[in-house]
C-alpha atoms as a PDB file:
ATOM      1  CA  MET A   1     -17.637  18.579 -31.786  1.00  0.00           C
ATOM      2  CA  ASP A   2     -16.576  14.937 -31.565  1.00  0.00           C
ATOM      3  CA  GLU A   3     -15.333  14.601 -27.963  1.00  0.00           C
ATOM      4  CA  LYS A   4     -14.056  11.033 -28.487  1.00  0.00           C
ATOM      5  CA  ARG A   5     -10.965  12.398 -30.184  1.00  0.00           C
ATOM      6  CA  TYR A   6     -10.028  14.099 -26.905  1.00  0.00           C
ATOM      7  CA  LEU A   7      -9.792  10.818 -24.980  1.00  0.00           C
ATOM      8  CA  ILE A   8      -5.986  10.838 -24.984  1.00  0.00           C
ATOM      9  CA  LYS A   9      -5.919  14.499 -23.978  1.00  0.00           C
ATOM     10  CA  TYR A  10      -8.181  13.848 -20.969  1.00  0.00           C
ATOM     11  CA  CYS A  11      -6.331  10.686 -19.915  1.00  0.00           C
ATOM     12  CA  GLY A  12      -3.019  12.541 -20.132  1.00  0.00           C
ATOM     13  CA  LYS A  13      -4.371  15.441 -18.104  1.00  0.00           C
ATOM     14  CA  ILE A  14      -5.656  13.106 -15.386  1.00  0.00           C
ATOM     15  CA  MET A  15      -2.300  11.305 -15.285  1.00  0.00           C
ATOM     16  CA  ARG A  16      -0.234  14.502 -15.065  1.00  0.00           C
ATOM     17  CA  LYS A  17      -2.438  15.996 -12.334  1.00  0.00           C
ATOM     18  CA  THR A  18      -2.379  12.697 -10.440  1.00  0.00           C
ATOM     19  CA  GLN A  19       1.420  12.494 -10.598  1.00  0.00           C
ATOM     20  CA  THR A  20       1.756  16.074  -9.378  1.00  0.00           C
ATOM     21  CA  TYR A  21      -0.696  15.530  -6.520  1.00  0.00           C
ATOM     22  CA  LEU A  22       0.903  12.252  -5.427  1.00  0.00           C
ATOM     23  CA  ASP A  23       4.430  13.653  -5.635  1.00  0.00           C
ATOM     24  CA  ILE A  24       3.348  16.370  -3.194  1.00  0.00           C
ATOM     25  CA  VAL A  25       1.366  14.276  -0.693  1.00  0.00           C
ATOM     26  CA  LEU A  26       3.686  11.262  -0.738  1.00  0.00           C
ATOM     27  CA  ARG A  27       6.796  13.369  -0.127  1.00  0.00           C
ATOM     28  CA  LYS A  28       6.252  13.092   3.639  1.00  0.00           C
ATOM     29  CA  TYR A  29       6.657   9.300   3.293  1.00  0.00           C
ATOM     30  CA  GLN A  30       9.779   9.724   1.108  1.00  0.00           C
ATOM     31  CA  LEU A  31       7.830   8.316  -1.847  1.00  0.00           C
ATOM     32  CA  SER A  32       6.894   9.624  -5.274  1.00  0.00           C
ATOM     33  CA  SER A  33       4.219   8.881  -7.818  1.00  0.00           C
ATOM     34  CA  GLY A  34       6.662   6.515  -9.493  1.00  0.00           C
ATOM     35  CA  GLY A  35       7.475   4.361  -6.482  1.00  0.00           C
ATOM     36  CA  TYR A  36       4.318   3.588  -4.557  1.00  0.00           C
ATOM     37  CA  SER A  37       2.982   1.135  -7.168  1.00  0.00           C
ATOM     38  CA  TYR A  38       6.043  -1.085  -6.621  1.00  0.00           C
ATOM     39  CA  LEU A  39       5.225  -1.271  -2.924  1.00  0.00           C
ATOM     40  CA  PHE A  40       1.587  -2.157  -3.631  1.00  0.00           C
ATOM     41  CA  GLU A  41       2.658  -4.861  -6.066  1.00  0.00           C
ATOM     42  CA  LEU A  42       5.147  -6.318  -3.594  1.00  0.00           C
ATOM     43  CA  GLU A  43       2.482  -6.267  -0.913  1.00  0.00           C
ATOM     44  CA  LYS A  44       0.491  -8.631  -3.145  1.00  0.00           C
ATOM     45  CA  GLN A  45       3.468 -10.743  -4.271  1.00  0.00           C
ATOM     46  CA  GLU A  46       6.484 -10.532  -2.006  1.00  0.00           C
ATOM     47  CA  GLY A  47       9.507 -12.379  -3.288  1.00  0.00           C
ATOM     48  CA  ILE A  48       8.989 -11.649  -6.987  1.00  0.00           C
ATOM     49  CA  SER A  49      11.884 -10.734  -9.215  1.00  0.00           C
ATOM     50  CA  LEU A  50      12.696  -7.411 -10.827  1.00  0.00           C
ATOM     51  CA  GLU A  51      11.690  -8.853 -14.188  1.00  0.00           C
ATOM     52  CA  GLN A  52       8.321 -10.009 -12.835  1.00  0.00           C
ATOM     53  CA  ILE A  53       7.506  -6.660 -11.231  1.00  0.00           C
ATOM     54  CA  SER A  54       8.503  -4.836 -14.434  1.00  0.00           C
ATOM     55  CA  ARG A  55       6.163  -7.017 -16.464  1.00  0.00           C
ATOM     56  CA  THR A  56       3.302  -6.692 -13.978  1.00  0.00           C
ATOM     57  CA  LEU A  57       3.577  -2.894 -13.817  1.00  0.00           C
ATOM     58  CA  GLY A  58       4.127  -2.572 -17.562  1.00  0.00           C
ATOM     59  CA  VAL A  59       7.421  -0.685 -17.326  1.00  0.00           C
ATOM     60  CA  ASP A  60      10.829  -1.415 -18.769  1.00  0.00           C
ATOM     61  CA  LYS A  61      13.457  -3.189 -16.701  1.00  0.00           C
ATOM     62  CA  ALA A  62      15.776  -0.158 -16.612  1.00  0.00           C
ATOM     63  CA  MET A  63      13.035   1.957 -15.011  1.00  0.00           C
ATOM     64  CA  SER A  64      12.311  -0.787 -12.496  1.00  0.00           C
ATOM     65  CA  THR A  65      16.002  -1.151 -11.675  1.00  0.00           C
ATOM     66  CA  ARG A  66      16.286   2.567 -10.857  1.00  0.00           C
ATOM     67  CA  THR A  67      13.050   2.642  -8.869  1.00  0.00           C
ATOM     68  CA  VAL A  68      13.802  -0.525  -6.890  1.00  0.00           C
ATOM     69  CA  GLN A  69      17.316   0.731  -6.125  1.00  0.00           C
ATOM     70  CA  LYS A  70      15.907   4.028  -4.835  1.00  0.00           C
ATOM     71  CA  LEU A  71      13.267   2.229  -2.730  1.00  0.00           C
ATOM     72  CA  ALA A  72      15.971  -0.046  -1.303  1.00  0.00           C
ATOM     73  CA  GLU A  73      18.182   2.956  -0.444  1.00  0.00           C
ATOM     74  CA  LEU A  74      15.199   4.559   1.319  1.00  0.00           C
ATOM     75  CA  GLY A  75      14.595   1.387   3.336  1.00  0.00           C
ATOM     76  CA  PHE A  76      11.314   0.283   1.738  1.00  0.00           C
ATOM     77  CA  ILE A  77      12.562  -2.812  -0.100  1.00  0.00           C
ATOM     78  CA  THR A  78      15.024  -5.562   0.662  1.00  0.00           C
ATOM     79  CA  LYS A  79      16.724  -7.337  -2.230  1.00  0.00           C
ATOM     80  CA  ILE A  80      17.631 -10.951  -1.507  1.00  0.00           C
ATOM     81  CA  PRO A  81      19.786 -12.895  -4.007  1.00  0.00           C
ATOM     82  CA  ASP A  82      17.793 -15.531  -5.880  1.00  0.00           C
ATOM     83  CA  GLN A  83      18.853 -19.069  -4.912  1.00  0.00           C
ATOM     84  CA  GLU A  84      18.265 -20.384  -8.447  1.00  0.00           C
ATOM     85  CA  ASP A  85      19.660 -17.458 -10.488  1.00  0.00           C
ATOM     86  CA  SER A  86      22.704 -15.724  -9.034  1.00  0.00           C
ATOM     87  CA  ARG A  87      22.140 -12.697 -11.328  1.00  0.00           C
ATOM     88  CA  ALA A  88      18.615 -12.065  -9.997  1.00  0.00           C
ATOM     89  CA  PHE A  89      17.145 -10.795  -6.742  1.00  0.00           C
ATOM     90  CA  ARG A  90      13.887 -11.470  -4.926  1.00  0.00           C
ATOM     91  CA  LEU A  91      12.169  -8.340  -3.627  1.00  0.00           C
ATOM     92  CA  TYR A  92      10.566  -7.966  -0.204  1.00  0.00           C
ATOM     93  CA  LEU A  93       8.932  -5.129   1.697  1.00  0.00           C
ATOM     94  CA  THR A  94      10.535  -3.882   4.890  1.00  0.00           C
ATOM     95  CA  GLU A  95       8.718  -3.013   8.102  1.00  0.00           C
ATOM     96  CA  LYS A  96       8.986   0.646   7.073  1.00  0.00           C
ATOM     97  CA  ALA A  97       7.076  -0.091   3.869  1.00  0.00           C
ATOM     98  CA  HIS A  98       4.399  -2.123   5.647  1.00  0.00           C
ATOM     99  CA  ALA A  99       3.978   0.688   8.182  1.00  0.00           C
ATOM    100  CA  CYS A 100       3.411   3.447   5.632  1.00  0.00           C
ATOM    101  CA  LEU A 101       1.217   1.593   3.107  1.00  0.00           C
ATOM    102  CA  PRO A 102      -2.090   2.279   4.912  1.00  0.00           C
ATOM    103  CA  ALA A 103      -1.372   6.037   4.925  1.00  0.00           C
ATOM    104  CA  VAL A 104      -0.338   5.959   1.255  1.00  0.00           C
ATOM    105  CA  ARG A 105      -3.521   4.076   0.398  1.00  0.00           C
ATOM    106  CA  GLU A 106      -5.504   6.751   2.255  1.00  0.00           C
ATOM    107  CA  GLU A 107      -3.787   9.571   0.315  1.00  0.00           C
ATOM    108  CA  ILE A 108      -4.673   7.849  -2.951  1.00  0.00           C
ATOM    109  CA  SER A 109      -8.274   7.318  -1.830  1.00  0.00           C
ATOM    110  CA  ASN A 110      -8.521  11.009  -0.971  1.00  0.00           C
ATOM    111  CA  TRP A 111      -7.346  11.942  -4.475  1.00  0.00           C
ATOM    112  CA  ILE A 112      -9.812   9.555  -6.089  1.00  0.00           C
ATOM    113  CA  GLU A 113     -12.622  11.120  -4.064  1.00  0.00           C
ATOM    114  CA  GLN A 114     -11.531  14.577  -5.196  1.00  0.00           C
ATOM    115  CA  ILE A 115     -11.342  13.758  -8.900  1.00  0.00           C
ATOM    116  CA  THR A 116     -14.609  11.824  -8.908  1.00  0.00           C
ATOM    117  CA  ASP A 117     -16.496  14.495  -6.995  1.00  0.00           C
ATOM    118  CA  GLY A 118     -20.009  14.819  -8.372  1.00  0.00           C
ATOM    119  CA  LEU A 119     -20.123  11.304  -9.829  1.00  0.00           C
ATOM    120  CA  SER A 120     -22.535   8.698  -8.532  1.00  0.00           C
ATOM    121  CA  GLU A 121     -21.175   5.351  -7.346  1.00  0.00           C
ATOM    122  CA  ASN A 122     -22.597   3.824 -10.522  1.00  0.00           C
ATOM    123  CA  GLU A 123     -20.765   6.407 -12.667  1.00  0.00           C
ATOM    124  CA  LYS A 124     -17.519   5.737 -10.783  1.00  0.00           C
ATOM    125  CA  ASP A 125     -17.894   1.992 -11.334  1.00  0.00           C
ATOM    126  CA  MET A 126     -18.708   2.559 -15.001  1.00  0.00           C
ATOM    127  CA  ALA A 127     -15.673   4.837 -15.445  1.00  0.00           C
ATOM    128  CA  VAL A 128     -13.386   2.193 -13.952  1.00  0.00           C
ATOM    129  CA  GLU A 129     -14.800  -0.545 -16.178  1.00  0.00           C
ATOM    130  CA  LEU A 130     -14.508   1.578 -19.305  1.00  0.00           C
ATOM    131  CA  LEU A 131     -10.956   2.672 -18.518  1.00  0.00           C
ATOM    132  CA  LYS A 132     -10.009  -0.936 -17.763  1.00  0.00           C
ATOM    133  CA  LYS A 133     -11.258  -1.971 -21.214  1.00  0.00           C
ATOM    134  CA  ILE A 134      -9.454   0.927 -22.906  1.00  0.00           C
ATOM    135  CA  ALA A 135      -6.221   0.145 -21.026  1.00  0.00           C
ATOM    136  CA  GLY A 136      -6.481  -3.509 -22.045  1.00  0.00           C
ATOM    137  CA  ASN A 137      -6.957  -2.517 -25.680  1.00  0.00           C
ATOM    138  CA  ALA A 138      -4.014  -0.122 -25.488  1.00  0.00           C
ATOM    139  CA  GLU A 139      -1.809  -2.816 -24.002  1.00  0.00           C
ATOM    140  CA  ARG A 140      -2.774  -5.413 -26.612  1.00  0.00           C
ATOM    141  CA  LYS A 141      -2.546  -3.012 -29.557  1.00  0.00           C
ATOM    142  CA  GLY A 142       0.676  -1.442 -28.277  1.00  0.00           C
ATOM    143  CA  MET A 143       2.300  -4.880 -28.123  1.00  0.00           C
ATOM    144  CA  ASN A 144       1.379  -5.454 -31.779  1.00  0.00           C
ATOM    145  CA  GLN A 145       3.192  -2.285 -32.842  1.00  0.00           C
ATOM    146  CA  LYS A 146       6.640  -3.458 -31.706  1.00  0.00           C
END
């Protein structure tokens, strides 16, 4: 049987299981599988706008608006009005966010270890490189379909 045709099935399964796992383990930090990536992105680029974070994460602005609002209500993000554009905000992490990021990173590392159990370091590296290429293709081809 041609296993290549199951690529989407396997990627979807990994994503669903990952979301379920992260929703459970991140609950103690008041986070979900949908919110932690915003914190990681802001850790790299504090002060970016909602539009910039949406573009970087590859999600629509409405989704980012809801997620950022929730993270702000939970005390993870501060929204500061943009000096140049009164309609926009700059996003910053709070102390609470900075304090929990190492533990969140550890939870994610634990999951990665679990799902890559039995793979050599070389196989793990190869899997990442291949998935990165596939994701890049999907992003480029998906943009052409609009």
